[in-house]
Amino acid sequence: MRYSNPVLQADYSDPDVIRVGEDFFMVASSFNHVPGVPVLHSKNLVEWRLVNYVLNEIPFEGYDKVRHGNGAWAPSIRFHGGKYYCLIPFPDEGIFVSETDDPFGEWSPLRPLLEGKGYEDPCPVWHGGKCYVVFAFVKSRAGFNSELAVFETDEQLVSCAHSYKKIYDGHDISPNIEGPKFLKKGRYFYILAPAGGVSTGWQVALRSEKIYGPYETKIILTQGDSPVNGPHQGALVDIDDSKEKWAFLHFQDMNAYGRAVHLQPVKWVNDWPLCGEVTDENLAGHPVSDGEYPVDIRTDFNIEPSDGFDGEGLSLVWQVPATPKAEWFDMKKGLKLNCVSYDYNSIGNMPQLIMQKVPYLNFSIKTKCRLNLSEDGDETGFVVFGRTYAYICVVRRGGQNFLEIRKGAIDGDADETLCQSQPYDDNFVTFQMSARYEDKNKLTYRFTFGGSAFTHKFYADKGVWTGAKIGIYARSRKDSTGSATFKYFKATCTDNKYNR
């Protein structure tokens, strides 16, 4: 069986992966969006399903408001002593850990491992009855980057560390080194890390017989002649108990499409893991466009973006950009969004946006909504959200409903109304969008109300450390009993219509 890259055409940034028996688990960054730190499951490293989140909310002050790009950065997942540990960095609060016996079940509340500003990308390794955690530094908080450090804690990751030791300075040969992943194989401790930047960098391996070094360095994966820019942060994972067969998963920054996940073969040469296609064993490998399944198992795992809104709660694909509140919605003959008060002329920092990742290269969205807008200022709509965004909505003014298309920007001025309909008297509205891939940096989309010619074309924009997101909302300019009930949200892949 053969696969094609990327294996996840969605924004699962900074993936980390482990194998436990015949199961593979992945975690990824979620930043300010909650539920946070997605947990994905696979049997073969190619087909993935979204099964859980580590965090129901971000338990720190200020996340009841939208804090774009803050929150949970680049977590790691490891299995030790019968427990799964997820180490999660928050750039303004520190490095924390959650644990569980069952990755499909409930994760424990966060506890601190290293408190303070400017720490990112932690990953543990166990040795001699202790746990050692490697991490990197956030320049905007710490004042510097391009260095790696290690702190020590106990085997159960209970003790909070109060100091650390720098073990690697990459300023000269590995600038912007970050995202380190710790592992032990044979006589060496290895740290795999990206350097050179998200869009134009490469993968570095460090190795030493001692945890604190000194470390040798080798570049193990570069873009080469491939179209896979970066290639950035990821995870080296063993395929079976023999520890002889390995794979490497990493992300590619695709702008509005987010950070898509690629799967590379791994070849060990002189105790170095060379990733991708290796044409010269003295040099780094290059990303492959396809390959053989690492594990000869086929599943029906996938991540379904459509939602019939017929369950007790939202599908796992949905997130919100701030701590959710119970009054935002109910599951009542569909997804009933209440017109919660948000009296601003921009939705750039509105917390009750219910959004998901861009699901395919080419796709269409159709979502039907029953209107119960009762007060002037009540509004419901469908948005494609990034640093800049556009949305279609129904707004009530002067006792009548109007269809509108608007655009705006995070931290910008008031959203601009591009077009407005005559009064709209129907009790239902169908929001539609078609999206088309132009290249890895361009996602073109067009809004439509129902089947009408009331349309506009835009380019999607990436978010703050994320790809674009698509979603729905309701709001009002004051307290209101108004609402909008979404009956379904249907996403259709249309890749067959276009050539990549």
Foldseek 3Di string as FASTA:
>chain_A
DKDFPPLALWAFAQWAWEDDAQKIWIWGADFLKPPTTWIWIDRFVRFIATQDGQHRAQPDPPQQWFDFRFDWHNWYWDDDPQKIKIWTATQAFGIWIWMDNDPNDYIHDIDAAETGHFWDQWEWDDDDQWIKIKTWGDCVTPVDTQWIWIDIDGPVSPDHDHDIGTQDHRVPPFARWGNWYWDDDDQKIKIWTWGDDQFAIFIKIWIASDPSDDTDIATQEHAPPHPQGRQHHWYWYANHPVSQWIKIKTWGQLWQSHTGIHIWGWDQDPNDTHTHQDPDPVHHHHHDRMDDGPDPDDDPHHYAPKDQLQDQDDDPQKIWSGNDDPQQWGSDLFTKGFAAADAALDCLTPGFWIWGIDRAQWKKKKWKKFWFADDQQKKKWKKWDAQKIKIWMWGDDPNFIKIWIWIDGRVTHGIGTPDIDDTDDDRMKMKMKTWHHDDSHWIKMKIDIDPDPPMDIDTHGHHNNTHIIIGMHIHGNDDDRIIMGIRIMDMGGPPVVDDD
